[in-house]
Each structure stands twice: as C-alpha cells, then as structure tokens.
C-alpha cells in the first residue's frame, strides 16, 4: 500500500506523542507542501494496466500505464469487447499451459520413481 507523504505527516503530527512542537510544526509544513491536489488524486486502484490494440489488430496488455502510446482514434465499445475477449482467452490459454506443464512434470517424476522401483525389483530378483 502506498501512502503519500502528506497523509503520513498528518498522521504522525496527530498520533506520535514523542514529537516536540518544532517537529510537529515541521511535519505539518512537510505535509502541506507534499499534499496531493484533487486533480492529482485520480481514481484509487489496486492495480492498473493498459490494453492496447495495435494497428495490425493485435491486443496487448501493458503493465506500465505510463508507457508512451499514440492512438489513431478513441476506443469504442467494439474495441472493448474484442480486446476483453482476447485478454480472457489468452489468460485461459496461459493458465492451461501452466497446468499442463505441471502435470507433465508430475508424470515424469512418477515415471522416474517407477523405473527406480522396477530396477530395484529386478536387482533383488523377486
């Protein structure tokens, strides 16, 4: 969680008993100088990413929302729907590939164990 300096300073001024009056005044001043204006606040979000539709129709998810982009036109509902479907389908494919990879590793480990057991049985001539 990120807390801006003004929030931290204001909380310290009010709650930290060991501060001198000079320290409280300095913290209050720092908080006022660092305060975020209404325009800077924006929408509070847990996370954010850009969904980009390239000129050739590819849909990309960019984790850096400050990445420089140039758009030819504003997005419309069709763009939202198509890009959303592509992202969901890609996420499902990645998850499926991951699960398949895990299952293959488990099967490989089971085969290795089986071969060891079989080699042990043969060496004991049971």
N, C-alpha and C. Protein backbone atom coordinates (compact mmCIF):
# COMPACT_ATOMS: atom_id res chain seq x y z
N UNK A 1 0.84 -1.17 0.00
CA UNK A 1 0.00 0.00 0.00
C UNK A 1 0.89 1.24 0.00
N UNK A 2 0.58 2.20 -0.81
CA UNK A 2 1.33 3.43 -0.87
C UNK A 2 0.57 4.53 -0.15
N UNK A 3 1.28 5.21 0.72
CA UNK A 3 0.68 6.33 1.43
C UNK A 3 1.47 7.57 1.02
N UNK A 4 0.78 8.62 0.63
CA UNK A 4 1.50 9.82 0.24
C UNK A 4 2.06 10.50 1.47
N UNK A 5 3.10 11.30 1.28
CA UNK A 5 3.81 11.93 2.38
C UNK A 5 2.90 12.82 3.22
N UNK A 6 1.95 13.49 2.60
CA UNK A 6 1.06 14.37 3.37
C UNK A 6 0.22 13.57 4.36
N UNK A 7 -0.27 12.41 3.94
CA UNK A 7 -1.07 11.56 4.84
C UNK A 7 -0.21 11.07 5.99
N UNK A 8 1.01 10.64 5.68
CA UNK A 8 1.92 10.14 6.71
C UNK A 8 2.28 11.25 7.70
N UNK A 9 2.58 12.43 7.20
CA UNK A 9 2.93 13.55 8.07
C UNK A 9 1.76 13.95 8.97
N UNK A 10 0.58 14.03 8.39
CA UNK A 10 -0.60 14.39 9.19
C UNK A 10 -0.89 13.37 10.27
N UNK A 11 -0.73 12.09 9.96
CA UNK A 11 -0.96 11.03 10.94
C UNK A 11 0.07 11.12 12.06
N UNK A 12 1.33 11.39 11.70
CA UNK A 12 2.38 11.49 12.71
C UNK A 12 2.16 12.68 13.62
N UNK A 13 1.77 13.82 13.06
CA UNK A 13 1.52 15.02 13.85
C UNK A 13 0.46 14.75 14.91
N UNK A 14 -0.56 14.01 14.53
CA UNK A 14 -1.68 13.76 15.44
C UNK A 14 -1.44 12.63 16.43
N UNK A 15 -0.61 11.63 16.06
CA UNK A 15 -0.54 10.41 16.85
C UNK A 15 0.78 10.14 17.58
N UNK A 16 1.86 10.75 17.18
CA UNK A 16 3.15 10.46 17.81
C UNK A 16 3.36 11.42 18.97
N UNK A 17 3.38 10.86 20.18
CA UNK A 17 3.44 11.69 21.38
C UNK A 17 4.84 12.23 21.65
N UNK A 18 5.89 11.56 21.17
CA UNK A 18 7.27 11.93 21.49
C UNK A 18 7.78 13.12 20.69
N UNK A 19 6.99 13.67 19.80
CA UNK A 19 7.43 14.79 18.97
C UNK A 19 7.43 16.10 19.75
N UNK A 20 8.44 16.91 19.47
CA UNK A 20 8.46 18.25 20.04
C UNK A 20 7.54 19.14 19.21
N UNK A 21 7.23 20.31 19.74
CA UNK A 21 6.38 21.23 18.98
C UNK A 21 7.03 21.63 17.66
N UNK A 22 8.37 21.81 17.68
CA UNK A 22 9.08 22.17 16.45
C UNK A 22 8.98 21.05 15.42
N UNK A 23 9.09 19.79 15.89
CA UNK A 23 8.98 18.64 14.97
C UNK A 23 7.57 18.54 14.41
N UNK A 24 6.57 18.78 15.26
CA UNK A 24 5.19 18.75 14.79
C UNK A 24 4.96 19.81 13.72
N UNK A 25 5.50 20.99 13.97
CA UNK A 25 5.33 22.08 13.01
C UNK A 25 6.03 21.75 11.69
N UNK A 26 7.23 21.18 11.78
CA UNK A 26 7.98 20.80 10.57
C UNK A 26 7.22 19.73 9.79
N UNK A 27 6.70 18.71 10.48
CA UNK A 27 5.93 17.66 9.81
C UNK A 27 4.68 18.22 9.16
N UNK A 28 4.02 19.13 9.87
CA UNK A 28 2.81 19.74 9.31
C UNK A 28 3.14 20.51 8.04
N UNK A 29 4.26 21.24 8.07
CA UNK A 29 4.69 22.01 6.90
C UNK A 29 5.04 21.07 5.74
N UNK A 30 5.75 19.97 6.04
CA UNK A 30 6.10 18.99 5.00
C UNK A 30 4.85 18.38 4.39
N UNK A 31 3.87 18.08 5.24
CA UNK A 31 2.61 17.51 4.76
C UNK A 31 1.87 18.45 3.83
N UNK A 32 1.86 19.73 4.19
CA UNK A 32 1.17 20.72 3.35
C UNK A 32 1.88 20.87 2.01
N UNK A 33 3.22 20.85 2.03
CA UNK A 33 3.99 21.00 0.79
C UNK A 33 3.83 19.78 -0.12
N UNK A 34 3.69 18.62 0.49
CA UNK A 34 3.61 17.38 -0.30
C UNK A 34 2.19 16.96 -0.61
N UNK A 35 1.21 17.72 -0.16
CA UNK A 35 -0.16 17.26 -0.34
C UNK A 35 -0.54 17.16 -1.81
N UNK A 36 -1.37 16.22 -2.08
CA UNK A 36 -1.82 15.93 -3.44
C UNK A 36 -3.10 16.71 -3.69
N UNK A 37 -3.14 17.40 -4.81
CA UNK A 37 -4.33 18.17 -5.15
C UNK A 37 -5.42 17.24 -5.65
N UNK A 38 -6.63 17.74 -5.73
CA UNK A 38 -7.76 16.96 -6.23
C UNK A 38 -7.48 16.44 -7.65
N UNK A 39 -6.85 17.27 -8.47
CA UNK A 39 -6.56 16.89 -9.85
C UNK A 39 -5.57 15.74 -9.92
N UNK A 40 -4.63 15.68 -8.96
CA UNK A 40 -3.60 14.64 -8.96
C UNK A 40 -4.10 13.32 -8.38
N UNK A 41 -5.16 13.36 -7.60
CA UNK A 41 -5.59 12.16 -6.89
C UNK A 41 -6.03 11.05 -7.84
N UNK A 42 -6.86 11.35 -8.79
CA UNK A 42 -7.32 10.33 -9.72
C UNK A 42 -8.17 9.27 -9.04
N UNK A 43 -8.31 8.14 -9.69
CA UNK A 43 -9.11 7.04 -9.20
C UNK A 43 -8.24 6.10 -8.37
N UNK A 44 -8.67 5.79 -7.18
CA UNK A 44 -7.96 4.85 -6.32
C UNK A 44 -8.10 3.46 -6.93
N UNK A 45 -6.97 2.77 -7.12
CA UNK A 45 -7.00 1.46 -7.77
C UNK A 45 -6.03 0.51 -7.08
N UNK A 46 -6.35 -0.75 -7.10
CA UNK A 46 -5.44 -1.79 -6.60
C UNK A 46 -4.30 -1.97 -7.59
N UNK A 47 -4.63 -1.99 -8.86
CA UNK A 47 -3.63 -2.12 -9.92
C UNK A 47 -4.24 -1.57 -11.21
N UNK A 48 -3.40 -1.35 -12.19
CA UNK A 48 -3.90 -0.83 -13.46
C UNK A 48 -2.97 -1.28 -14.58
N UNK A 49 -3.50 -1.42 -15.75
CA UNK A 49 -2.70 -1.75 -16.92
C UNK A 49 -3.40 -1.20 -18.15
N UNK A 50 -2.62 -1.02 -19.20
CA UNK A 50 -3.18 -0.54 -20.46
C UNK A 50 -3.52 -1.71 -21.35
N UNK A 51 -4.62 -1.60 -22.04
CA UNK A 51 -4.96 -2.58 -23.08
C UNK A 51 -4.80 -1.82 -24.39
N UNK A 52 -3.91 -2.32 -25.23
CA UNK A 52 -3.56 -1.63 -26.47
C UNK A 52 -3.97 -2.50 -27.65
N UNK A 53 -4.66 -1.92 -28.60
CA UNK A 53 -4.97 -2.59 -29.85
C UNK A 53 -4.08 -1.93 -30.89
N UNK A 54 -3.16 -2.72 -31.44
CA UNK A 54 -2.20 -2.19 -32.40
C UNK A 54 -2.87 -2.00 -33.76
N UNK A 55 -2.25 -1.23 -34.66
CA UNK A 55 -2.84 -1.03 -35.99
C UNK A 55 -3.09 -2.33 -36.77
N UNK A 56 -2.28 -3.36 -36.48
CA UNK A 56 -2.48 -4.64 -37.19
C UNK A 56 -3.47 -5.55 -36.46
N UNK A 57 -4.12 -5.04 -35.39
CA UNK A 57 -5.18 -5.80 -34.73
C UNK A 57 -4.74 -6.61 -33.52
N UNK A 58 -3.46 -6.61 -33.19
CA UNK A 58 -3.01 -7.35 -32.00
C UNK A 58 -3.50 -6.64 -30.75
N UNK A 59 -3.82 -7.43 -29.73
CA UNK A 59 -4.24 -6.88 -28.45
C UNK A 59 -3.12 -7.15 -27.45
N UNK A 60 -2.63 -6.09 -26.82
CA UNK A 60 -1.53 -6.20 -25.87
C UNK A 60 -1.98 -5.67 -24.51
N UNK A 61 -1.50 -6.29 -23.46
CA UNK A 61 -1.72 -5.78 -22.11
C UNK A 61 -0.38 -5.23 -21.63
N UNK A 62 -0.33 -3.95 -21.36
CA UNK A 62 0.90 -3.27 -20.95
C UNK A 62 0.80 -2.94 -19.47
N UNK A 63 1.69 -3.52 -18.63
CA UNK A 63 1.60 -3.26 -17.19
C UNK A 63 2.01 -1.84 -16.78
N UNK A 64 2.77 -1.14 -17.63
CA UNK A 64 3.19 0.22 -17.33
C UNK A 64 2.18 1.21 -17.90
N UNK A 65 1.34 1.77 -17.03
CA UNK A 65 0.30 2.67 -17.52
C UNK A 65 0.86 4.00 -18.01
N UNK A 66 2.12 4.23 -17.75
CA UNK A 66 2.76 5.46 -18.23
C UNK A 66 3.54 5.24 -19.52
N UNK A 67 3.39 4.05 -20.11
CA UNK A 67 4.09 3.77 -21.36
C UNK A 67 3.60 4.74 -22.44
N UNK A 68 4.52 5.26 -23.22
CA UNK A 68 4.10 6.20 -24.27
C UNK A 68 3.33 5.48 -25.38
N UNK A 69 2.18 6.00 -25.72
CA UNK A 69 1.39 5.43 -26.82
C UNK A 69 0.85 6.57 -27.67
N UNK A 70 0.57 6.26 -28.92
CA UNK A 70 -0.07 7.20 -29.83
C UNK A 70 -1.28 6.50 -30.42
N UNK A 71 -2.43 7.08 -30.27
CA UNK A 71 -3.65 6.45 -30.77
C UNK A 71 -4.12 7.15 -32.04
N UNK A 72 -4.71 6.38 -32.92
CA UNK A 72 -5.28 6.94 -34.15
C UNK A 72 -6.68 7.48 -33.93
N UNK A 73 -7.40 6.85 -32.94
CA UNK A 73 -8.78 7.24 -32.69
C UNK A 73 -9.16 6.82 -31.28
N UNK A 74 -10.25 7.36 -30.75
CA UNK A 74 -10.72 6.93 -29.43
C UNK A 74 -11.27 5.50 -29.51
N UNK A 75 -11.21 4.80 -28.39
CA UNK A 75 -11.74 3.43 -28.33
C UNK A 75 -13.26 3.47 -28.36
N UNK A 76 -13.85 2.42 -28.93
CA UNK A 76 -15.31 2.31 -28.93
C UNK A 76 -15.71 0.99 -28.29
N UNK A 77 -16.99 0.72 -28.17
CA UNK A 77 -17.47 -0.48 -27.49
C UNK A 77 -16.96 -1.75 -28.15
N UNK A 78 -16.89 -1.79 -29.48
CA UNK A 78 -16.36 -2.96 -30.18
C UNK A 78 -14.92 -3.24 -29.77
N UNK A 79 -14.13 -2.18 -29.61
CA UNK A 79 -12.74 -2.35 -29.17
C UNK A 79 -12.69 -2.97 -27.78
N UNK A 80 -13.53 -2.47 -26.87
CA UNK A 80 -13.57 -3.00 -25.51
C UNK A 80 -13.94 -4.49 -25.52
N UNK A 81 -14.98 -4.83 -26.27
CA UNK A 81 -15.43 -6.22 -26.30
C UNK A 81 -14.38 -7.14 -26.90
N UNK A 82 -13.84 -6.77 -28.05
CA UNK A 82 -12.85 -7.63 -28.72
C UNK A 82 -11.60 -7.79 -27.87
N UNK A 83 -11.08 -6.66 -27.36
CA UNK A 83 -9.87 -6.72 -26.54
C UNK A 83 -10.11 -7.53 -25.26
N UNK A 84 -11.27 -7.35 -24.66
CA UNK A 84 -11.60 -8.11 -23.45
C UNK A 84 -11.63 -9.61 -23.71
N UNK A 85 -12.25 -10.01 -24.81
CA UNK A 85 -12.30 -11.43 -25.15
C UNK A 85 -10.91 -11.98 -25.41
N UNK A 86 -10.09 -11.23 -26.11
CA UNK A 86 -8.73 -11.69 -26.42
C UNK A 86 -7.93 -11.86 -25.13
N UNK A 87 -8.03 -10.89 -24.22
CA UNK A 87 -7.29 -10.98 -22.97
C UNK A 87 -7.74 -12.17 -22.13
N UNK A 88 -9.04 -12.38 -22.05
CA UNK A 88 -9.55 -13.52 -21.27
C UNK A 88 -9.10 -14.83 -21.91
N UNK A 89 -9.23 -14.95 -23.22
CA UNK A 89 -8.82 -16.18 -23.91
C UNK A 89 -7.33 -16.44 -23.72
N UNK A 90 -6.51 -15.39 -23.82
CA UNK A 90 -5.06 -15.55 -23.62
C UNK A 90 -4.74 -15.96 -22.19
N UNK A 91 -5.43 -15.37 -21.23
CA UNK A 91 -5.20 -15.73 -19.83
C UNK A 91 -5.56 -17.19 -19.58
N UNK A 92 -6.66 -17.65 -20.16
CA UNK A 92 -7.05 -19.06 -20.02
C UNK A 92 -6.01 -19.97 -20.67
N UNK A 93 -5.52 -19.59 -21.84
CA UNK A 93 -4.50 -20.40 -22.53
C UNK A 93 -3.22 -20.48 -21.71
N UNK A 94 -2.81 -19.36 -21.12
CA UNK A 94 -1.59 -19.36 -20.30
C UNK A 94 -1.78 -20.24 -19.07
N UNK A 95 -2.93 -20.13 -18.44
CA UNK A 95 -3.21 -20.95 -17.25
C UNK A 95 -3.24 -22.43 -17.61
N UNK A 96 -3.88 -22.75 -18.74
CA UNK A 96 -3.95 -24.15 -19.19
C UNK A 96 -2.55 -24.69 -19.48
N UNK A 97 -1.73 -23.90 -20.15
CA UNK A 97 -0.36 -24.33 -20.45
C UNK A 97 0.43 -24.56 -19.16
N UNK A 98 0.23 -23.70 -18.18
CA UNK A 98 0.92 -23.85 -16.91
C UNK A 98 0.51 -25.14 -16.21
N UNK A 99 -0.80 -25.41 -16.18
CA UNK A 99 -1.31 -26.63 -15.54
C UNK A 99 -0.80 -27.86 -16.28
N UNK A 100 -0.80 -27.80 -17.61
CA UNK A 100 -0.31 -28.92 -18.41
C UNK A 100 1.16 -29.18 -18.12
N UNK A 101 1.94 -28.12 -18.03
CA UNK A 101 3.37 -28.26 -17.71
C UNK A 101 3.58 -28.90 -16.35
N UNK A 102 2.78 -28.49 -15.36
CA UNK A 102 2.89 -29.07 -14.02
C UNK A 102 2.53 -30.56 -14.06
N UNK A 103 1.47 -30.91 -14.79
CA UNK A 103 1.06 -32.30 -14.89
C UNK A 103 2.14 -33.14 -15.58
N UNK A 104 2.77 -32.59 -16.60
CA UNK A 104 3.84 -33.32 -17.29
C UNK A 104 5.03 -33.56 -16.36
N UNK A 105 5.35 -32.56 -15.53
CA UNK A 105 6.45 -32.74 -14.58
C UNK A 105 6.10 -33.80 -13.55
N UNK A 106 4.85 -33.82 -13.10
CA UNK A 106 4.42 -34.85 -12.15
C UNK A 106 4.48 -36.24 -12.78
N UNK A 107 4.04 -36.34 -14.04
CA UNK A 107 4.09 -37.64 -14.73
C UNK A 107 5.54 -38.09 -14.91
N UNK A 108 6.43 -37.17 -15.23
CA UNK A 108 7.84 -37.51 -15.39
C UNK A 108 8.41 -38.01 -14.08
N UNK A 109 8.10 -37.34 -12.99
CA UNK A 109 8.58 -37.77 -11.68
C UNK A 109 8.04 -39.15 -11.33
N UNK A 110 6.76 -39.40 -11.65
CA UNK A 110 6.17 -40.72 -11.38
C UNK A 110 6.86 -41.80 -12.21
N UNK A 111 7.17 -41.50 -13.48
CA UNK A 111 7.86 -42.47 -14.33
C UNK A 111 9.25 -42.77 -13.80
N UNK A 112 9.96 -41.76 -13.35
CA UNK A 112 11.30 -41.96 -12.79
C UNK A 112 11.22 -42.83 -11.55
N UNK A 113 10.24 -42.56 -10.68
CA UNK A 113 10.05 -43.39 -9.48
C UNK A 113 9.74 -44.83 -9.86
N UNK A 114 8.88 -44.99 -10.87
CA UNK A 114 8.52 -46.34 -11.32
C UNK A 114 9.74 -47.08 -11.87
N UNK A 115 10.57 -46.38 -12.64
CA UNK A 115 11.77 -47.01 -13.19
C UNK A 115 12.73 -47.40 -12.07
N UNK A 116 12.88 -46.56 -11.07
CA UNK A 116 13.75 -46.90 -9.94
C UNK A 116 13.23 -48.12 -9.20
N UNK A 117 11.91 -48.14 -8.98
CA UNK A 117 11.31 -49.28 -8.29
C UNK A 117 11.50 -50.55 -9.09
N UNK A 118 11.29 -50.45 -10.40
CA UNK A 118 11.44 -51.61 -11.27
C UNK A 118 12.89 -52.09 -11.28
N UNK A 119 13.83 -51.16 -11.32
CA UNK A 119 15.26 -51.53 -11.28
C UNK A 119 15.61 -52.20 -9.96
N UNK A 120 15.05 -51.73 -8.86
CA UNK A 120 15.29 -52.32 -7.56
C UNK A 120 14.72 -53.73 -7.48
N UNK A 121 13.50 -53.91 -8.00
CA UNK A 121 12.87 -55.23 -8.01
C UNK A 121 13.68 -56.20 -8.84
N UNK A 122 14.16 -55.77 -9.98
CA UNK A 122 14.94 -56.65 -10.84
C UNK A 122 16.28 -56.99 -10.21
N UNK A 123 16.87 -56.02 -9.49
CA UNK A 123 18.17 -56.29 -8.85
C UNK A 123 18.01 -57.28 -7.70
N UNK A 124 16.83 -57.29 -7.06
CA UNK A 124 16.59 -58.22 -5.98
C UNK A 124 16.10 -59.57 -6.49
N UNK A 125 15.77 -59.63 -7.75
CA UNK A 125 15.29 -60.86 -8.40
C UNK A 125 14.11 -61.45 -7.67
N UNK A 126 13.10 -60.62 -7.44
CA UNK A 126 11.90 -61.09 -6.75
C UNK A 126 10.94 -61.74 -7.68
